[in-house]
PDB file of N, CA and C in Angstrom:
ATOM      1  N   MET A   1      -7.417  66.070 195.422  1.00  0.00           N
ATOM      2  CA  MET A   1      -6.961  67.484 195.444  1.00  0.00           C
ATOM      3  C   MET A   1      -7.731  68.371 194.671  1.00  0.00           C
ATOM      4  N   PRO A   2      -8.117  69.611 195.311  1.00  0.00           N
ATOM      5  CA  PRO A   2      -8.909  70.577 194.634  1.00  0.00           C
ATOM      6  C   PRO A   2      -8.416  71.104 193.212  1.00  0.00           C
ATOM      7  N   THR A   3      -9.162  71.208 192.309  1.00  0.00           N
ATOM      8  CA  THR A   3      -8.811  71.756 190.875  1.00  0.00           C
ATOM      9  C   THR A   3      -8.963  73.268 190.943  1.00  0.00           C
ATOM     10  N   LEU A   4      -7.993  73.941 190.428  1.00  0.00           N
ATOM     11  CA  LEU A   4      -7.944  75.638 190.230  1.00  0.00           C
ATOM     12  C   LEU A   4      -8.972  75.759 189.120  1.00  0.00           C
ATOM     13  N   LEU A   5      -9.841  76.661 189.421  1.00  0.00           N
ATOM     14  CA  LEU A   5     -10.736  77.223 188.226  1.00  0.00           C
ATOM     15  C   LEU A   5      -9.986  78.143 187.327  1.00  0.00           C
ATOM     16  N   VAL A   6      -9.051  78.814 187.728  1.00  0.00           N
ATOM     17  CA  VAL A   6      -8.154  79.753 186.926  1.00  0.00           C
ATOM     18  C   VAL A   6      -6.981  78.876 186.381  1.00  0.00           C
ATOM     19  N   LYS A   7      -6.802  78.861 185.169  1.00  0.00           N
ATOM     20  CA  LYS A   7      -5.803  77.928 184.494  1.00  0.00           C
ATOM     21  C   LYS A   7      -4.350  78.571 184.338  1.00  0.00           C
ATOM     22  N   ASN A   8      -4.263  79.898 184.491  1.00  0.00           N
ATOM     23  CA  ASN A   8      -2.899  80.606 184.249  1.00  0.00           C
ATOM     24  C   ASN A   8      -2.227  80.926 185.632  1.00  0.00           C
ATOM     25  N   ILE A   9      -2.274  80.131 186.613  1.00  0.00           N
ATOM     26  CA  ILE A   9      -1.748  80.306 187.741  1.00  0.00           C
ATOM     27  C   ILE A   9      -1.122  79.102 188.297  1.00  0.00           C
ATOM     28  N   SER A  10      -0.342  78.960 189.278  1.00  0.00           N
ATOM     29  CA  SER A  10       0.160  77.835 190.014  1.00  0.00           C
ATOM     30  C   SER A  10       1.548  77.454 189.747  1.00  0.00           C
ATOM     31  N   HIS A  11       2.142  77.872 188.665  1.00  0.00           N
ATOM     32  CA  HIS A  11       3.668  77.855 188.357  1.00  0.00           C
ATOM     33  C   HIS A  11       4.146  78.671 187.536  1.00  0.00           C
ATOM     34  N   LEU A  12       5.556  78.949 187.449  1.00  0.00           N
ATOM     35  CA  LEU A  12       6.137  79.910 186.596  1.00  0.00           C
ATOM     36  C   LEU A  12       6.377  79.292 185.289  1.00  0.00           C
ATOM     37  N   ALA A  13       5.938  79.837 184.231  1.00  0.00           N
ATOM     38  CA  ALA A  13       6.237  79.473 182.798  1.00  0.00           C
ATOM     39  C   ALA A  13       5.680  80.572 181.919  1.00  0.00           C
ATOM     40  N   PRO A  14       6.081  80.636 180.554  1.00  0.00           N
ATOM     41  CA  PRO A  14       5.622  81.621 179.667  1.00  0.00           C
ATOM     42  C   PRO A  14       4.086  81.437 179.568  1.00  0.00           C
ATOM     43  N   GLY A  15       3.414  82.701 179.565  1.00  0.00           N
ATOM     44  CA  GLY A  15       1.899  82.640 179.397  1.00  0.00           C
ATOM     45  C   GLY A  15       1.209  82.543 180.769  1.00  0.00           C
ATOM     46  N   MET A  16       1.910  82.321 181.960  1.00  0.00           N
ATOM     47  CA  MET A  16       1.382  82.206 183.113  1.00  0.00           C
ATOM     48  C   MET A  16       1.355  83.681 183.867  1.00  0.00           C
ATOM     49  N   SER A  17       0.421  83.783 184.719  1.00  0.00           N
ATOM     50  CA  SER A  17       0.414  84.955 185.683  1.00  0.00           C
ATOM     51  C   SER A  17       1.242  84.725 186.797  1.00  0.00           C
ATOM     52  N   ALA A  18       2.066  85.897 187.043  1.00  0.00           N
ATOM     53  CA  ALA A  18       3.152  85.731 188.233  1.00  0.00           C
ATOM     54  C   ALA A  18       3.276  86.995 188.978  1.00  0.00           C
ATOM     55  N   ASP A  19       3.298  87.028 190.173  1.00  0.00           N
ATOM     56  CA  ASP A  19       3.729  88.172 191.023  1.00  0.00           C
ATOM     57  C   ASP A  19       4.889  87.720 191.931  1.00  0.00           C
ATOM     58  N   VAL A  20       6.023  88.328 191.729  1.00  0.00           N
ATOM     59  CA  VAL A  20       7.323  87.907 192.373  1.00  0.00           C
ATOM     60  C   VAL A  20       7.860  89.278 192.896  1.00  0.00           C
ATOM     61  N   ILE A  21       8.466  89.063 193.987  1.00  0.00           N
ATOM     62  CA  ILE A  21       9.300  90.225 194.529  1.00  0.00           C
ATOM     63  C   ILE A  21      10.710  89.701 194.966  1.00  0.00           C
ATOM     64  N   ALA A  22      11.751  90.474 194.893  1.00  0.00           N
ATOM     65  CA  ALA A  22      13.032  90.163 195.415  1.00  0.00           C
ATOM     66  C   ALA A  22      13.588  91.353 196.212  1.00  0.00           C
ATOM     67  N   ILE A  23      13.985  90.825 197.500  1.00  0.00           N
ATOM     68  CA  ILE A  23      14.478  91.947 198.453  1.00  0.00           C
ATOM     69  C   ILE A  23      15.792  91.562 199.099  1.00  0.00           C
ATOM     70  N   ASP A  24      16.640  92.545 198.987  1.00  0.00           N
ATOM     71  CA  ASP A  24      17.967  92.486 199.528  1.00  0.00           C
ATOM     72  C   ASP A  24      17.883  92.490 201.051  1.00  0.00           C
ATOM     73  N   ARG A  25      18.108  91.413 201.808  1.00  0.00           N
ATOM     74  CA  ARG A  25      17.946  91.578 203.355  1.00  0.00           C
ATOM     75  C   ARG A  25      18.955  92.158 203.932  1.00  0.00           C
ATOM     76  N   SER A  26      20.119  92.565 203.285  1.00  0.00           N
ATOM     77  CA  SER A  26      21.130  93.237 204.089  1.00  0.00           C
ATOM     78  C   SER A  26      20.908  94.846 204.245  1.00  0.00           C
ATOM     79  N   GLN A  27      19.635  95.413 203.735  1.00  0.00           N
ATOM     80  CA  GLN A  27      19.439  96.849 204.035  1.00  0.00           C
ATOM     81  C   GLN A  27      19.047  96.947 205.446  1.00  0.00           C
ATOM     82  N   LEU A  28      19.378  98.199 205.960  1.00  0.00           N
ATOM     83  CA  LEU A  28      19.104  98.592 207.457  1.00  0.00           C
ATOM     84  C   LEU A  28      17.860  98.180 208.003  1.00  0.00           C
ATOM     85  N   GLY A  29      16.732  98.414 207.289  1.00  0.00           N
ATOM     86  CA  GLY A  29      15.331  98.063 207.697  1.00  0.00           C
ATOM     87  C   GLY A  29      15.123  96.518 208.100  1.00  0.00           C
ATOM     88  N   LEU A  30      15.971  95.765 207.607  1.00  0.00           N
ATOM     89  CA  LEU A  30      15.821  94.191 207.520  1.00  0.00           C
ATOM     90  C   LEU A  30      16.939  93.643 208.397  1.00  0.00           C
ATOM     91  N   SER A  31      17.710  94.508 209.171  1.00  0.00           N
ATOM     92  CA  SER A  31      18.985  94.101 209.844  1.00  0.00           C
ATOM     93  C   SER A  31      18.534  92.891 210.816  1.00  0.00           C
ATOM     94  N   GLY A  32      19.236  91.842 210.995  1.00  0.00           N
ATOM     95  CA  GLY A  32      18.930  90.868 211.866  1.00  0.00           C
ATOM     96  C   GLY A  32      17.932  89.805 211.457  1.00  0.00           C
ATOM     97  N   THR A  33      17.506  89.784 210.271  1.00  0.00           N
ATOM     98  CA  THR A  33      16.268  88.892 209.890  1.00  0.00           C
ATOM     99  C   THR A  33      16.669  87.711 209.111  1.00  0.00           C
ATOM    100  N   GLN A  34      18.008  87.306 209.164  1.00  0.00           N
ATOM    101  CA  GLN A  34      18.416  86.195 208.392  1.00  0.00           C
ATOM    102  C   GLN A  34      17.736  84.823 209.130  1.00  0.00           C
ATOM    103  N   ARG A  35      17.407  84.903 210.249  1.00  0.00           N
ATOM    104  CA  ARG A  35      16.798  83.628 211.029  1.00  0.00           C
ATOM    105  C   ARG A  35      15.434  83.330 210.465  1.00  0.00           C
ATOM    106  N   ASP A  36      14.540  84.403 210.228  1.00  0.00           N
ATOM    107  CA  ASP A  36      13.209  84.106 209.793  1.00  0.00           C
ATOM    108  C   ASP A  36      12.847  85.160 208.746  1.00  0.00           C
ATOM    109  N   PRO A  37      13.164  84.942 207.466  1.00  0.00           N
ATOM    110  CA  PRO A  37      12.967  85.998 206.552  1.00  0.00           C
ATOM    111  C   PRO A  37      11.486  86.294 206.173  1.00  0.00           C
ATOM    112  N   LEU A  38      10.682  85.340 206.259  1.00  0.00           N
ATOM    113  CA  LEU A  38       9.304  85.652 206.140  1.00  0.00           C
ATOM    114  C   LEU A  38       8.686  86.636 207.135  1.00  0.00           C
ATOM    115  N   ALA A  39       9.052  86.187 208.400  1.00  0.00           N
ATOM    116  CA  ALA A  39       8.552  86.972 209.483  1.00  0.00           C
ATOM    117  C   ALA A  39       8.990  88.513 209.264  1.00  0.00           C
ATOM    118  N   ALA A  40      10.306  88.558 208.834  1.00  0.00           N
ATOM    119  CA  ALA A  40      10.827  89.884 208.598  1.00  0.00           C
ATOM    120  C   ALA A  40      10.070  90.684 207.670  1.00  0.00           C
ATOM    121  N   LEU A  41       9.523  90.137 206.566  1.00  0.00           N
ATOM    122  CA  LEU A  41       8.775  90.779 205.525  1.00  0.00           C
ATOM    123  C   LEU A  41       7.511  91.400 206.164  1.00  0.00           C
ATOM    124  N   VAL A  42       6.974  90.584 207.045  1.00  0.00           N
ATOM    125  CA  VAL A  42       5.647  90.934 207.597  1.00  0.00           C
ATOM    126  C   VAL A  42       5.815  91.946 208.776  1.00  0.00           C
ATOM    127  N   MET A  43       6.846  91.814 209.731  1.00  0.00           N
ATOM    128  CA  MET A  43       6.984  92.534 210.878  1.00  0.00           C
ATOM    129  C   MET A  43       7.908  93.708 210.799  1.00  0.00           C
ATOM    130  N   CYS A  44       8.803  93.743 209.801  1.00  0.00           N
ATOM    131  CA  CYS A  44       9.828  94.819 209.724  1.00  0.00           C
ATOM    132  C   CYS A  44       9.464  95.911 208.771  1.00  0.00           C
ATOM    133  N   GLY A  45      10.043  96.839 208.769  1.00  0.00           N
ATOM    134  CA  GLY A  45       9.922  97.962 207.681  1.00  0.00           C
ATOM    135  C   GLY A  45      10.143  99.315 208.273  1.00  0.00           C
ATOM    136  N   PRO A  46      10.241 100.298 207.373  1.00  0.00           N
ATOM    137  CA  PRO A  46      10.014 100.118 206.012  1.00  0.00           C
ATOM    138  C   PRO A  46      11.280  99.566 205.339  1.00  0.00           C
ATOM    139  N   PHE A  47      11.039  99.064 204.170  1.00  0.00           N
ATOM    140  CA  PHE A  47      12.232  98.454 203.339  1.00  0.00           C
ATOM    141  C   PHE A  47      11.752  98.615 201.897  1.00  0.00           C
ATOM    142  N   LYS A  48      12.903  98.481 201.071  1.00  0.00           N
ATOM    143  CA  LYS A  48      12.611  98.690 199.549  1.00  0.00           C
ATOM    144  C   LYS A  48      12.598  97.196 198.917  1.00  0.00           C
ATOM    145  N   ALA A  49      11.757  97.039 197.923  1.00  0.00           N
ATOM    146  CA  ALA A  49      11.954  95.881 197.122  1.00  0.00           C
ATOM    147  C   ALA A  49      12.922  96.139 195.994  1.00  0.00           C
ATOM    148  N   ASP A  50      13.842  95.160 195.698  1.00  0.00           N
ATOM    149  CA  ASP A  50      14.862  95.524 194.704  1.00  0.00           C
ATOM    150  C   ASP A  50      14.169  95.264 193.426  1.00  0.00           C
ATOM    151  N   TYR A  51      13.334  94.189 193.348  1.00  0.00           N
ATOM    152  CA  TYR A  51      12.548  93.846 192.112  1.00  0.00           C
ATOM    153  C   TYR A  51      11.195  93.427 192.316  1.00  0.00           C
ATOM    154  N   SER A  52      10.268  93.887 191.581  1.00  0.00           N
ATOM    155  CA  SER A  52       8.767  93.363 191.595  1.00  0.00           C
ATOM    156  C   SER A  52       8.284  93.143 190.246  1.00  0.00           C
ATOM    157  N   TYR A  53       7.499  91.981 190.208  1.00  0.00           N
ATOM    158  CA  TYR A  53       6.943  91.716 188.927  1.00  0.00           C
ATOM    159  C   TYR A  53       5.527  91.502 189.373  1.00  0.00           C
ATOM    160  N   ILE A  54       4.501  92.016 188.691  1.00  0.00           N
ATOM    161  CA  ILE A  54       3.082  91.794 188.899  1.00  0.00           C
ATOM    162  C   ILE A  54       2.560  91.430 187.502  1.00  0.00           C
ATOM    163  N   ASN A  55       1.859  90.212 187.603  1.00  0.00           N
ATOM    164  CA  ASN A  55       1.241  89.698 186.412  1.00  0.00           C
ATOM    165  C   ASN A  55       2.347  89.630 185.261  1.00  0.00           C
ATOM    166  N   GLY A  56       3.420  89.321 185.677  1.00  0.00           N
ATOM    167  CA  GLY A  56       4.654  89.101 184.671  1.00  0.00           C
ATOM    168  C   GLY A  56       5.264  90.399 184.221  1.00  0.00           C
ATOM    169  N   ARG A  57       4.819  91.532 184.544  1.00  0.00           N
ATOM    170  CA  ARG A  57       5.281  92.830 184.239  1.00  0.00           C
ATOM    171  C   ARG A  57       6.232  93.425 185.295  1.00  0.00           C
ATOM    172  N   GLN A  58       7.367  93.901 184.894  1.00  0.00           N
ATOM    173  CA  GLN A  58       8.279  94.510 185.806  1.00  0.00           C
ATOM    174  C   GLN A  58       7.767  95.852 186.294  1.00  0.00           C
ATOM    175  N   ILE A  59       7.542  96.017 187.650  1.00  0.00           N
ATOM    176  CA  ILE A  59       7.115  97.194 188.223  1.00  0.00           C
ATOM    177  C   ILE A  59       8.308  97.981 188.852  1.00  0.00           C
ATOM    178  N   ILE A  60       9.099  97.251 189.553  1.00  0.00           N
ATOM    179  CA  ILE A  60      10.330  97.853 190.251  1.00  0.00           C
ATOM    180  C   ILE A  60      11.545  96.967 189.747  1.00  0.00           C
ATOM    181  N   GLY A  61      12.610  97.921 189.442  1.00  0.00           N
ATOM    182  CA  GLY A  61      13.746  97.330 189.058  1.00  0.00           C
ATOM    183  C   GLY A  61      14.953  98.128 189.690  1.00  0.00           C
ATOM    184  N   SER A  62      15.828  97.437 190.392  1.00  0.00           N
ATOM    185  CA  SER A  62      17.020  98.141 190.955  1.00  0.00           C
ATOM    186  C   SER A  62      16.429  99.084 192.019  1.00  0.00           C
ATOM    187  N   SER A  63      15.323  98.639 192.727  1.00  0.00           N
ATOM    188  CA  SER A  63      14.686  99.477 193.879  1.00  0.00           C
ATOM    189  C   SER A  63      14.055 100.830 193.199  1.00  0.00           C
ATOM    190  N   GLU A  64      13.780 100.959 191.994  1.00  0.00           N
ATOM    191  CA  GLU A  64      13.165 102.098 191.321  1.00  0.00           C
ATOM    192  C   GLU A  64      11.894 101.555 190.595  1.00  0.00           C
ATOM    193  N   PHE A  65      11.004 102.417 190.715  1.00  0.00           N
ATOM    194  CA  PHE A  65       9.503 102.145 189.858  1.00  0.00           C
ATOM    195  C   PHE A  65      10.008 102.323 188.430  1.00  0.00           C
ATOM    196  N   ARG A  66       9.594 101.443 187.515  1.00  0.00           N
ATOM    197  CA  ARG A  66       9.857 101.416 186.039  1.00  0.00           C
ATOM    198  C   ARG A  66       8.933 102.170 185.111  1.00  0.00           C
ATOM    199  N   HIS A  67       7.695 102.072 185.520  1.00  0.00           N
ATOM    200  CA  HIS A  67       6.596 102.638 184.749  1.00  0.00           C
ATOM    201  C   HIS A  67       5.603 103.546 185.488  1.00  0.00           C
ATOM    202  N   THR A  68       6.127 104.149 186.516  1.00  0.00           N
ATOM    203  CA  THR A  68       5.184 105.056 187.410  1.00  0.00           C
ATOM    204  C   THR A  68       5.893 106.369 187.561  1.00  0.00           C
ATOM    205  N   ASP A  69       5.041 107.299 187.462  1.00  0.00           N
ATOM    206  CA  ASP A  69       5.506 108.774 187.761  1.00  0.00           C
ATOM    207  C   ASP A  69       5.297 109.006 189.225  1.00  0.00           C
ATOM    208  N   VAL A  70       6.367 108.663 190.047  1.00  0.00           N
ATOM    209  CA  VAL A  70       6.166 108.747 191.516  1.00  0.00           C
ATOM    210  C   VAL A  70       5.940 110.187 191.979  1.00  0.00           C
ATOM    211  N   GLU A  71       6.576 111.120 191.304  1.00  0.00           N
ATOM    212  CA  GLU A  71       6.267 112.502 191.720  1.00  0.00           C
ATOM    213  C   GLU A  71       4.901 113.058 191.558  1.00  0.00           C
ATOM    214  N   SER A  72       4.328 112.606 190.458  1.00  0.00           N
ATOM    215  CA  SER A  72       2.906 112.825 190.274  1.00  0.00           C
ATOM    216  C   SER A  72       2.037 112.178 191.234  1.00  0.00           C
ATOM    217  N   LEU A  73       2.292 110.910 191.535  1.00  0.00           N
ATOM    218  CA  LEU A  73       1.608 110.154 192.612  1.00  0.00           C
ATOM    219  C   LEU A  73       1.685 110.826 194.004  1.00  0.00           C
ATOM    220  N   LEU A  74       2.860 111.253 194.354  1.00  0.00           N
ATOM    221  CA  LEU A  74       3.023 111.940 195.473  1.00  0.00           C
ATOM    222  C   LEU A  74       2.202 113.304 195.620  1.00  0.00           C
ATOM    223  N   ALA A  75       2.313 113.997 194.574  1.00  0.00           N
ATOM    224  CA  ALA A  75       1.600 115.305 194.423  1.00  0.00           C
ATOM    225  C   ALA A  75      -0.026 115.038 194.646  1.00  0.00           C
ATOM    226  N   LYS A  76      -0.524 113.993 194.062  1.00  0.00           N
ATOM    227  CA  LYS A  76      -1.953 113.751 194.156  1.00  0.00           C
ATOM    228  C   LYS A  76      -2.296 113.324 195.604  1.00  0.00           C
ATOM    229  N   HIS A  77      -1.347 112.422 196.263  1.00  0.00           N
ATOM    230  CA  HIS A  77      -1.461 112.060 197.611  1.00  0.00           C
ATOM    231  C   HIS A  77      -1.503 113.379 198.650  1.00  0.00           C
ATOM    232  N   GLN A  78      -0.701 114.210 198.328  1.00  0.00           N
ATOM    233  CA  GLN A  78      -0.702 115.437 199.081  1.00  0.00           C
ATOM    234  C   GLN A  78      -1.905 116.253 198.882  1.00  0.00           C
ATOM    235  N   THR A  79      -2.405 116.340 197.799  1.00  0.00           N
ATOM    236  CA  THR A  79      -3.699 117.074 197.437  1.00  0.00           C
ATOM    237  C   THR A  79      -4.808 116.496 198.482  1.00  0.00           C
ATOM    238  N   VAL A  80      -4.914 114.999 198.339  1.00  0.00           N
ATOM    239  CA  VAL A  80      -5.922 114.251 198.967  1.00  0.00           C
ATOM    240  C   VAL A  80      -5.682 114.602 200.556  1.00  0.00           C
ATOM    241  N   MET A  81      -4.576 114.453 201.077  1.00  0.00           N
ATOM    242  CA  MET A  81      -4.290 114.528 202.488  1.00  0.00           C
ATOM    243  C   MET A  81      -4.579 116.017 202.899  1.00  0.00           C
ATOM    244  N   ASP A  82      -4.197 116.890 202.060  1.00  0.00           N
ATOM    245  CA  ASP A  82      -4.645 118.439 202.352  1.00  0.00           C
ATOM    246  C   ASP A  82      -6.095 118.696 202.531  1.00  0.00           C
ATOM    247  N   ARG A  83      -6.947 117.871 201.556  1.00  0.00           N
ATOM    248  CA  ARG A  83      -8.369 118.004 201.781  1.00  0.00           C
ATOM    249  C   ARG A  83      -8.834 117.328 202.890  1.00  0.00           C
ATOM    250  N   ILE A  84      -8.236 116.202 203.433  1.00  0.00           N
ATOM    251  CA  ILE A  84      -8.763 115.436 204.423  1.00  0.00           C
ATOM    252  C   ILE A  84      -8.497 116.333 205.816  1.00  0.00           C
ATOM    253  N   TYR A  85      -7.241 116.879 205.865  1.00  0.00           N
ATOM    254  CA  TYR A  85      -6.875 117.577 207.202  1.00  0.00           C
ATOM    255  C   TYR A  85      -7.672 118.898 207.283  1.00  0.00           C
ATOM    256  N   SER A  86      -8.036 119.481 206.125  1.00  0.00           N
ATOM    257  CA  SER A  86      -8.726 120.815 206.046  1.00  0.00           C
ATOM    258  C   SER A  86     -10.136 120.640 206.529  1.00  0.00           C
ATOM    259  N   GLN A  87     -10.672 119.578 206.829  1.00  0.00           N
ATOM    260  CA  GLN A  87     -12.007 119.383 207.104  1.00  0.00           C
ATOM    261  C   GLN A  87     -12.185 119.413 208.699  1.00  0.00           C
TER     262      GLN A  87
END
């Protein structure tokens, strides 16, 4: 069996790196996906993640960003798009 060169991955435990999402499949964008939930995540959308943890840090909780100023990001994105479309 191959040995991982990175030692803080491969299982969930304190001190380990982890990226995890939780998605409520009863939302409209995922309707009818109970038979193949993995395919639903790849093929369907848009949908909201209910919870997201990246490297053990909560990013999304109760479908809302926890540590991100979404309004500021949207404004920056609009500025970039305005520049692109004005060319």
